[in-house]
Amino acid sequence: MQSSQERFRVVGGARLAGEVRVTGAKNSVLKTMAAALLAEGRTTLTEVPRIYDTEVMSELLRRLGCQVEYDVEAGTVAIDVPAVIGHRADYDLVRRIRASICVLGPLIARCGEAEVAMPGGDQIGSRPLDFHMAGLTKLGAELESEHGFIVARAPHGLTGATVWLDFPSVGATENVLMAAVLARGTTVIDNAAREPEIVDLVQMLQQMGAKVDGGGSSTLTIEGVDRLSPTTHAIVPDRIVAGTWAFAAAMTRGDVTVRNARPQHLEIALDKLAGTGAVVHGVEDGFRVVMDRRPTAVDAVTLPYPGLATDLQPVVMALNAIADGAAMITENIFEGRFVFASELTRLGAHVRTDGHHAVVRGQPHLSGAPVRASDIRAGAALTLAGLVAQGITHVHDIYHVDRGYPGFDQQLRDLGAEVTRELDPDAGFGG
């Protein structure tokens, strides 16, 4: 993809104002694309975000025998699933996006076997697959690791069981859920993840004929059925992208209306914004954030939903970097998130980290410098920090940003920022 050789040139001093529209959630579209494998026939997804990960998942499904039509302009993906599908997901694709592990559950359910390469993705922590494997084992799958692959077999099919997750892992909840819908008998997932993306997947599976109760709660009950039918499904709006724009408005003392967003999915984040001095208004299909002064520092703790999303922690830190006062940020989900802090300090931020805590002392001004995105959210947050820095900031490795934010630079320009995409003369060097 071209963005691996590109960088953002960000001119400081912008005030964001106007409207921006959010499309479907990255953290939902990849899982719903995998869910299409559960039913023979054509499943169509709408509100599909224009991101790199969607292209990778499309190719993965093609390798499994599906025909995939990805209409980038229309934001739709049509997946034609044959009666017999492949069961091997190779490393060259899986390494690019961690969410590709979510084909494991559907493949075991449909094929009785699966070989899925150990995934890659963002460098934000270890994110072990133990929860996935333990849950699928409870349903009767036999799993082992061989030559960099997770090899799963269920020669006698899957059988419903009670699955207790030690941690409400989103990925493990999704994999066990998608395997259980075609299992014999009843499956109960206790301590299930409650994220809106889980609810979105549950709703799609119900449309396909699955019997699932408890979406949005910590207990999912699934009655297995013999077969599912293809469906058409609109992806839930991306709450992380919506939250990013909300913090961008507050950081730049701006006035931004975020359309096709669901504020009920961002209650804690928007409450934090109100604590910084921003005024948050609900509108018919989203919300509006207005800020007319320097933000006040605000403490934050990341937790599983409905707590503050770990994916929003970098923009919270970026806001605190230019806020009035000091704040404590506690990261409870991914131990590697604070890699971002060292890049933020290159812009003059005052951040001290200790384990999973960070203390941020706000500075009146940041200063433009070359920085490098270590993951999707870090890249977005560094770009926003560049908007409130004096001078020019170059953000390298923006292919990360393109994995989660459709047309991020264009949307920033539409809101009044001076952000351009240019060839990176230091690509592969280190910024």
Protein backbone atom coordinates (compact mmCIF):
# COMPACT_ATOMS: atom_id res chain seq x y z
CA MET A 1 0.00 0.00 0.00
CA GLN A 2 1.36 3.42 -0.93
CA SER A 3 1.05 4.92 2.58
CA SER A 4 3.99 2.77 3.76
CA GLN A 5 6.14 5.25 1.80
CA GLU A 6 4.24 8.37 2.87
CA ARG A 7 4.08 10.76 5.79
CA PHE A 8 1.81 13.54 6.97
CA ARG A 9 3.04 17.13 6.95
CA VAL A 10 1.08 18.89 9.67
CA VAL A 11 1.13 22.67 10.08
CA GLY A 12 0.42 23.79 13.63
CA GLY A 13 -2.12 26.37 14.68
CA ALA A 14 -5.29 24.89 13.20
CA ARG A 15 -8.76 25.33 14.65
CA LEU A 16 -11.07 22.56 13.48
CA ALA A 17 -14.60 23.61 12.56
CA GLY A 18 -17.35 22.05 10.49
CA GLU A 19 -18.91 18.62 10.07
CA VAL A 20 -17.41 15.17 9.69
CA ARG A 21 -19.19 11.87 9.02
CA VAL A 22 -18.18 8.58 10.58
CA THR A 23 -18.55 5.28 8.69
CA GLY A 24 -18.75 1.71 9.99
CA ALA A 25 -16.46 0.49 12.73
CA LYS A 26 -13.12 -1.10 11.87
CA ASN A 27 -13.52 -3.29 14.94
CA SER A 28 -16.83 -4.58 13.63
CA VAL A 29 -16.49 -4.89 9.85
CA LEU A 30 -13.68 -7.44 9.97
CA LYS A 31 -15.63 -9.68 12.36
CA THR A 32 -18.87 -9.43 10.40
CA MET A 33 -16.98 -10.26 7.20
CA ALA A 34 -15.71 -13.40 8.97
CA ALA A 35 -19.26 -14.19 10.12
CA ALA A 36 -20.36 -14.33 6.48
CA LEU A 37 -18.44 -17.62 6.27
CA LEU A 38 -21.13 -19.22 8.43
CA ALA A 39 -23.75 -19.23 5.66
CA GLU A 40 -23.64 -20.37 2.05
CA GLY A 41 -24.79 -17.64 -0.35
CA ARG A 42 -24.34 -13.87 -0.69
CA THR A 43 -24.01 -11.69 2.38
CA THR A 44 -23.78 -7.92 1.85
CA LEU A 45 -22.35 -5.42 4.32
CA THR A 46 -22.95 -1.67 4.09
CA GLU A 47 -21.30 1.33 5.78
CA VAL A 48 -17.99 -0.45 5.23
CA PRO A 49 -15.04 1.82 6.09
CA ARG A 50 -12.51 2.59 3.37
CA ILE A 51 -9.51 1.17 5.18
CA TYR A 52 -6.61 -1.12 4.35
CA ASP A 53 -7.74 -3.86 6.75
CA THR A 54 -10.97 -4.34 4.77
CA GLU A 55 -8.90 -5.05 1.65
CA VAL A 56 -6.77 -7.59 3.52
CA MET A 57 -9.82 -9.39 4.93
CA SER A 58 -11.40 -9.42 1.47
CA GLU A 59 -8.33 -11.18 0.08
CA LEU A 60 -8.31 -13.63 2.99
CA LEU A 61 -11.92 -14.60 2.24
CA ARG A 62 -11.07 -15.02 -1.46
CA ARG A 63 -8.28 -17.42 -0.52
CA LEU A 64 -10.87 -19.42 1.42
CA GLY A 65 -12.91 -19.80 -1.76
CA CYS A 66 -15.32 -16.87 -1.52
CA GLN A 67 -16.06 -14.32 -4.21
CA VAL A 68 -15.74 -10.84 -2.72
CA GLU A 69 -16.87 -7.59 -4.35
CA TYR A 70 -15.56 -4.59 -2.41
CA ASP A 71 -17.08 -1.35 -3.73
CA VAL A 72 -14.88 1.27 -2.12
CA GLU A 73 -16.95 4.25 -3.29
CA ALA A 74 -20.29 2.80 -2.20
CA GLY A 75 -18.89 1.43 1.05
CA THR A 76 -20.23 -2.08 0.46
CA VAL A 77 -18.77 -5.56 0.53
CA ALA A 78 -20.64 -8.47 -1.06
CA ILE A 79 -19.37 -11.92 -0.08
CA ASP A 80 -20.46 -15.01 -2.02
CA VAL A 81 -19.73 -18.03 0.16
CA PRO A 82 -19.61 -21.45 -1.54
CA ALA A 83 -20.94 -24.70 -0.13
CA VAL A 84 -17.40 -25.89 0.50
CA ILE A 85 -14.84 -23.41 1.80
CA GLY A 86 -11.14 -23.66 2.50
CA HIS A 87 -9.88 -23.84 6.06
CA ARG A 88 -6.33 -22.44 5.92
CA ALA A 89 -5.54 -18.76 6.57
CA ASP A 90 -1.94 -18.10 5.56
CA TYR A 91 0.64 -15.99 7.38
CA ASP A 92 1.24 -13.49 4.58
CA LEU A 93 -2.29 -12.10 5.14
CA VAL A 94 -2.93 -12.88 8.79
CA ARG A 95 0.26 -11.13 9.91
CA ARG A 96 -1.06 -7.81 8.56
CA ILE A 97 -4.18 -7.59 10.72
CA ARG A 98 -4.72 -9.21 14.07
CA ALA A 99 -8.49 -9.34 13.61
CA SER A 100 -8.00 -12.07 11.01
CA ILE A 101 -7.88 -14.53 13.92
CA CYS A 102 -11.67 -14.14 14.00
CA VAL A 103 -12.00 -16.57 11.08
CA LEU A 104 -11.01 -19.36 13.49
CA GLY A 105 -14.47 -19.82 15.05
CA PRO A 106 -16.44 -19.74 11.77
CA LEU A 107 -14.02 -22.13 10.05
CA ILE A 108 -14.25 -24.72 12.84
CA ALA A 109 -18.04 -24.40 12.80
CA ARG A 110 -18.35 -24.76 9.00
CA CYS A 111 -15.46 -27.09 8.16
CA GLY A 112 -14.77 -28.98 11.35
CA GLU A 113 -11.16 -27.89 11.05
CA ALA A 114 -9.07 -24.74 10.69
CA GLU A 115 -5.45 -23.72 10.25
CA VAL A 116 -4.91 -20.06 11.04
CA ALA A 117 -1.51 -18.42 11.21
CA MET A 118 -0.58 -16.59 14.39
CA PRO A 119 -1.70 -13.01 13.76
CA GLY A 120 0.18 -9.73 13.64
CA GLY A 121 -1.19 -6.17 13.86
CA ASP A 122 -0.40 -3.23 16.10
CA GLN A 123 2.56 -3.23 18.44
CA ILE A 124 0.61 -2.43 21.60
CA GLY A 125 1.10 -5.55 23.67
CA SER A 126 1.12 -9.32 23.66
CA ARG A 127 -2.67 -9.93 23.47
CA PRO A 128 -2.42 -13.71 24.02
CA LEU A 129 -4.78 -16.08 22.26
CA ASP A 130 -5.23 -18.28 25.34
CA PHE A 131 -8.80 -17.06 25.89
CA HIS A 132 -9.78 -17.94 22.30
CA MET A 133 -8.26 -21.40 22.49
CA ALA A 134 -9.64 -22.23 25.94
CA GLY A 135 -13.16 -21.22 24.91
CA LEU A 136 -13.14 -23.22 21.68
CA THR A 137 -11.73 -26.23 23.53
CA LYS A 138 -14.75 -26.09 25.85
CA LEU A 139 -16.95 -26.53 22.76
CA GLY A 140 -15.08 -29.70 21.82
CA ALA A 141 -12.42 -28.39 19.45
CA GLU A 142 -8.92 -29.83 19.65
CA LEU A 143 -6.36 -27.05 19.28
CA GLU A 144 -2.59 -26.98 19.11
CA SER A 145 0.14 -24.74 17.80
CA GLU A 146 2.18 -26.09 14.89
CA HIS A 147 4.82 -24.24 12.87
CA GLY A 148 3.33 -20.81 13.55
CA PHE A 149 -0.26 -21.92 12.96
CA ILE A 150 -3.17 -22.56 15.28
CA VAL A 151 -4.46 -25.93 14.11
CA ALA A 152 -8.00 -26.76 15.24
CA ARG A 153 -10.06 -29.88 14.64
CA ALA A 154 -13.56 -30.86 15.64
CA PRO A 155 -14.05 -34.20 13.87
CA HIS A 156 -17.29 -34.89 15.72
CA GLY A 157 -18.61 -31.33 15.51
CA LEU A 158 -18.96 -28.78 18.28
CA THR A 159 -21.15 -29.17 21.35
CA GLY A 160 -22.60 -26.40 23.49
CA ALA A 161 -20.96 -25.73 26.85
CA THR A 162 -20.58 -23.08 29.52
CA VAL A 163 -17.53 -20.93 28.73
CA TRP A 164 -16.15 -18.63 31.42
CA LEU A 165 -13.72 -16.01 30.11
CA ASP A 166 -11.11 -14.98 32.68
CA PHE A 167 -11.07 -11.56 30.97
CA PRO A 168 -13.87 -10.07 28.83
CA SER A 169 -11.82 -10.38 25.66
CA VAL A 170 -13.58 -9.01 22.59
CA GLY A 171 -11.84 -11.36 20.18
CA ALA A 172 -12.39 -14.46 22.31
CA THR A 173 -16.07 -13.57 22.80
CA GLU A 174 -16.48 -13.21 19.03
CA ASN A 175 -14.69 -16.44 18.14
CA VAL A 176 -16.59 -18.55 20.68
CA LEU A 177 -19.89 -16.88 19.69
CA MET A 178 -19.39 -17.58 15.98
CA ALA A 179 -18.42 -21.18 16.66
CA ALA A 180 -21.35 -21.74 19.03
CA VAL A 181 -24.12 -20.64 16.66
CA LEU A 182 -23.71 -23.90 14.67
CA ALA A 183 -22.84 -26.13 17.65
CA ARG A 184 -25.21 -28.77 19.03
CA GLY A 185 -27.07 -27.63 22.14
CA THR A 186 -26.74 -24.56 24.32
CA THR A 187 -23.65 -22.46 24.90
CA VAL A 188 -23.37 -19.87 27.65
CA ILE A 189 -20.50 -17.35 27.52
CA ASP A 190 -19.95 -15.82 30.96
CA ASN A 191 -17.91 -12.64 31.45
CA ALA A 192 -18.45 -11.91 27.76
CA ALA A 193 -17.29 -8.63 26.24
CA ARG A 194 -20.05 -6.01 26.07
CA GLU A 195 -18.71 -3.68 23.37
CA PRO A 196 -21.09 -2.20 20.77
CA GLU A 197 -19.18 -4.19 18.13
CA ILE A 198 -20.20 -7.41 19.92
CA VAL A 199 -23.83 -6.25 19.86
CA ASP A 200 -23.44 -5.51 16.14
CA LEU A 201 -22.16 -9.04 15.49
CA VAL A 202 -24.98 -10.54 17.56
CA GLN A 203 -27.56 -8.58 15.55
CA MET A 204 -26.07 -9.79 12.27
CA LEU A 205 -26.02 -13.41 13.45
CA GLN A 206 -29.66 -13.09 14.54
CA GLN A 207 -30.54 -11.81 11.07
CA MET A 208 -28.83 -14.92 9.68
CA GLY A 209 -31.05 -17.13 11.83
CA ALA A 210 -28.85 -17.66 14.89
CA LYS A 211 -30.48 -17.88 18.30
CA VAL A 212 -28.49 -15.57 20.55
CA ASP A 213 -29.67 -13.77 23.68
CA GLY A 214 -27.88 -11.27 25.91
CA GLY A 215 -26.03 -9.07 23.43
CA GLY A 216 -24.60 -6.09 25.34
CA SER A 217 -24.62 -7.97 28.66
CA SER A 218 -21.89 -10.03 30.28
CA THR A 219 -23.75 -13.30 29.60
CA LEU A 220 -24.47 -14.58 26.10
CA THR A 221 -26.75 -17.58 25.60
CA ILE A 222 -26.59 -19.34 22.24
CA GLU A 223 -28.89 -22.11 21.05
CA GLY A 224 -27.14 -23.88 18.20
CA VAL A 225 -28.94 -24.23 14.86
CA ASP A 226 -28.30 -26.54 11.89
CA ARG A 227 -27.71 -23.81 9.33
CA LEU A 228 -27.68 -20.07 8.81
CA SER A 229 -28.77 -17.93 5.88
CA PRO A 230 -26.95 -15.00 4.24
CA THR A 231 -28.10 -11.49 5.07
CA THR A 232 -27.60 -7.77 4.46
CA HIS A 233 -26.24 -5.81 7.39
CA ALA A 234 -25.20 -2.19 8.07
CA ILE A 235 -22.03 -1.91 10.18
CA VAL A 236 -22.35 -0.01 13.47
CA PRO A 237 -20.73 3.47 13.37
CA ASP A 238 -17.11 3.61 14.53
CA ARG A 239 -17.15 4.96 18.08
CA ILE A 240 -13.34 5.24 18.21
CA VAL A 241 -13.20 7.44 15.12
CA ALA A 242 -16.12 9.50 16.48
CA GLY A 243 -14.32 9.88 19.81
CA THR A 244 -11.13 10.92 18.05
CA TRP A 245 -12.95 13.77 16.31
CA ALA A 246 -14.52 14.80 19.61
CA PHE A 247 -11.10 15.16 21.26
CA ALA A 248 -9.71 16.83 18.15
CA ALA A 249 -12.33 19.56 18.50
CA ALA A 250 -11.45 20.13 22.16
CA MET A 251 -7.68 20.13 21.53
CA THR A 252 -7.91 22.75 18.77
CA ARG A 253 -10.52 24.93 20.55
CA GLY A 254 -12.81 24.09 17.68
CA ASP A 255 -16.45 23.43 16.84
CA VAL A 256 -17.02 20.06 15.20
CA THR A 257 -20.25 18.19 14.53
CA VAL A 258 -19.79 14.43 14.22
CA ARG A 259 -22.46 12.77 12.07
CA ASN A 260 -23.54 9.11 11.99
CA ALA A 261 -22.23 8.68 15.54
CA ARG A 262 -23.88 7.18 18.60
CA PRO A 263 -23.09 9.22 21.72
CA GLN A 264 -24.46 6.44 23.93
CA HIS A 265 -21.40 4.39 22.90
CA LEU A 266 -19.10 7.17 24.14
CA GLU A 267 -20.70 8.21 27.42
CA ILE A 268 -17.55 8.12 29.54
CA ALA A 269 -15.35 9.69 26.85
CA LEU A 270 -17.80 12.55 26.27
CA ASP A 271 -18.13 13.01 30.03
CA LYS A 272 -14.34 13.33 30.22
CA LEU A 273 -14.49 15.95 27.48
CA ALA A 274 -17.05 17.92 29.45
CA GLY A 275 -14.58 17.81 32.34
CA THR A 276 -11.96 19.50 30.16
CA GLY A 277 -14.30 22.43 29.56
CA ALA A 278 -15.78 21.38 26.24
CA VAL A 279 -19.49 21.74 25.60
CA VAL A 280 -21.06 18.59 24.12
CA HIS A 281 -24.45 18.81 22.41
CA GLY A 282 -26.48 15.90 21.09
CA VAL A 283 -27.74 16.26 17.50
CA GLU A 284 -30.16 14.09 15.56
CA ASP A 285 -27.56 11.69 14.16
CA GLY A 286 -24.53 12.34 16.34
CA PHE A 287 -23.10 15.08 18.53
CA ARG A 288 -21.34 18.44 18.46
CA VAL A 289 -18.28 19.45 20.49
CA VAL A 290 -17.45 23.13 21.08
CA MET A 291 -14.38 24.40 22.95
CA ASP A 292 -13.46 28.06 23.43
CA ARG A 293 -10.49 27.87 25.81
CA ARG A 294 -7.46 25.84 26.79
CA PRO A 295 -8.61 22.41 28.04
CA THR A 296 -8.42 21.51 31.71
CA ALA A 297 -6.40 18.36 32.46
CA VAL A 298 -8.49 15.26 33.12
CA ASP A 299 -7.56 11.89 34.66
CA ALA A 300 -8.43 8.74 32.72
CA VAL A 301 -8.52 4.99 33.31
CA THR A 302 -9.00 2.51 30.47
CA LEU A 303 -11.31 -0.43 31.11
CA PRO A 304 -13.37 -2.92 29.11
CA TYR A 305 -16.64 -1.47 27.79
CA PRO A 306 -18.55 0.44 29.09
CA GLY A 307 -15.33 1.91 30.51
CA LEU A 308 -13.07 4.28 28.59
CA ALA A 309 -11.75 2.51 25.49
CA THR A 310 -8.02 1.83 25.36
CA ASP A 311 -8.16 2.95 21.71
CA LEU A 312 -8.99 6.48 22.89
CA GLN A 313 -6.19 6.66 25.45
CA PRO A 314 -3.64 8.21 23.04
CA VAL A 315 -5.94 11.14 22.17
CA VAL A 316 -6.67 11.65 25.87
CA MET A 317 -2.93 11.82 26.50
CA ALA A 318 -2.45 14.22 23.57
CA LEU A 319 -5.15 16.52 24.93
CA ASN A 320 -3.62 16.46 28.40
CA ALA A 321 -0.24 17.37 26.88
CA ILE A 322 -1.56 20.87 26.10
CA ALA A 323 -4.07 21.13 28.95
CA ASP A 324 -4.03 23.36 32.02
CA GLY A 325 -2.80 21.23 34.93
CA ALA A 326 -1.60 17.66 35.36
CA ALA A 327 -3.40 14.34 34.87
CA MET A 328 -2.88 10.67 35.64
CA ILE A 329 -3.62 8.15 32.90
CA THR A 330 -3.91 4.47 33.80
CA GLU A 331 -3.76 1.87 31.02
CA ASN A 332 -5.33 -1.43 32.06
CA ILE A 333 -5.78 -3.17 28.69
CA PHE A 334 -2.62 -3.11 26.56
CA GLU A 335 0.77 -2.77 28.20
CA GLY A 336 2.38 -1.44 25.04
CA ARG A 337 0.15 1.63 24.60
CA PHE A 338 2.67 3.93 26.30
CA VAL A 339 5.16 3.48 23.45
CA PHE A 340 3.26 6.46 22.10
CA ALA A 341 4.34 8.64 25.05
CA SER A 342 7.98 8.74 23.94
CA GLU A 343 6.94 10.11 20.55
CA LEU A 344 4.67 12.70 22.14
CA THR A 345 7.60 13.96 24.22
CA ARG A 346 9.46 14.67 20.98
CA LEU A 347 6.86 17.41 20.46
CA GLY A 348 7.67 18.89 23.88
CA ALA A 349 5.04 17.09 25.93
CA HIS A 350 5.88 16.38 29.56
CA VAL A 351 4.97 12.72 30.15
CA ARG A 352 6.39 10.35 32.75
CA THR A 353 5.42 6.69 32.67
CA ASP A 354 5.70 4.07 35.40
CA GLY A 355 4.29 0.65 34.58
CA HIS A 356 0.71 1.13 33.51
CA HIS A 357 0.50 4.70 34.82
CA ALA A 358 1.46 7.93 33.09
CA VAL A 359 1.55 11.44 34.54
CA VAL A 360 1.05 14.20 31.98
CA ARG A 361 1.82 17.82 32.87
CA GLY A 362 0.23 20.12 30.36
CA GLN A 363 2.40 22.59 28.44
CA PRO A 364 1.14 25.89 26.98
CA HIS A 365 2.67 24.97 23.63
CA LEU A 366 4.04 21.94 21.82
CA SER A 367 6.76 22.22 19.19
CA GLY A 368 6.70 20.58 15.76
CA ALA A 369 9.11 17.69 15.20
CA PRO A 370 9.39 14.42 13.27
CA VAL A 371 7.47 11.61 14.98
CA ARG A 372 6.61 8.02 14.14
CA ALA A 373 3.26 6.24 14.50
CA SER A 374 3.62 2.94 16.35
CA ASP A 375 -0.03 1.95 15.89
CA ILE A 376 -3.32 3.21 14.46
CA ARG A 377 -4.41 5.35 17.41
CA ALA A 378 -0.94 6.69 18.14
CA GLY A 379 -0.72 7.90 14.55
CA ALA A 380 -4.02 9.77 14.80
CA ALA A 381 -3.10 11.29 18.17
CA LEU A 382 0.32 12.45 16.95
CA THR A 383 -1.34 14.10 13.96
CA LEU A 384 -3.72 15.97 16.28
CA ALA A 385 -0.82 16.94 18.52
CA GLY A 386 0.87 18.38 15.44
CA LEU A 387 -2.17 20.58 14.87
CA VAL A 388 -1.61 22.24 18.27
CA ALA A 389 2.19 22.43 17.97
CA GLN A 390 4.16 25.43 16.78
CA GLY A 391 5.70 24.88 13.36
CA ILE A 392 5.74 21.75 11.21
CA THR A 393 5.26 18.17 12.40
CA HIS A 394 6.03 15.21 10.17
CA VAL A 395 4.21 12.00 11.10
CA HIS A 396 5.93 8.92 9.66
CA ASP A 397 4.53 5.38 9.18
CA ILE A 398 1.06 6.69 8.42
CA TYR A 399 0.04 3.34 6.95
CA HIS A 400 -1.04 2.64 10.54
CA VAL A 401 -3.49 5.57 10.40
CA ASP A 402 -4.88 4.36 7.08
CA ARG A 403 -5.77 1.07 8.79
CA GLY A 404 -8.30 2.76 11.06
CA TYR A 405 -9.23 6.22 9.75
CA PRO A 406 -10.72 6.47 6.23
CA GLY A 407 -9.36 9.56 4.48
CA PHE A 408 -8.07 11.05 7.75
CA ASP A 409 -5.99 13.79 6.12
CA GLN A 410 -8.80 14.82 3.75
CA GLN A 411 -11.31 15.03 6.60
CA LEU A 412 -8.87 17.17 8.57
CA ARG A 413 -8.48 19.51 5.60
CA ASP A 414 -12.26 19.72 5.28
CA LEU A 415 -12.33 20.91 8.89
CA GLY A 416 -9.75 23.62 8.22
CA ALA A 417 -6.45 21.92 9.04
CA GLU A 418 -3.34 22.15 6.89
CA VAL A 419 -2.37 18.49 6.64
CA THR A 420 -0.84 17.05 3.48
CA ARG A 421 0.26 13.58 2.49
CA GLU A 422 3.70 13.43 0.90
CA LEU A 423 6.36 10.92 -0.02
CA ASP A 424 8.55 10.11 2.97
CA PRO A 425 12.25 10.62 2.15
CA ASP A 426 13.11 8.73 5.35
CA ALA A 427 10.84 5.71 4.72
CA GLY A 428 12.38 2.70 6.37
CA PHE A 429 14.96 4.85 8.20
CA GLY A 430 13.45 5.93 11.48
CA GLY A 431 12.11 9.44 11.16
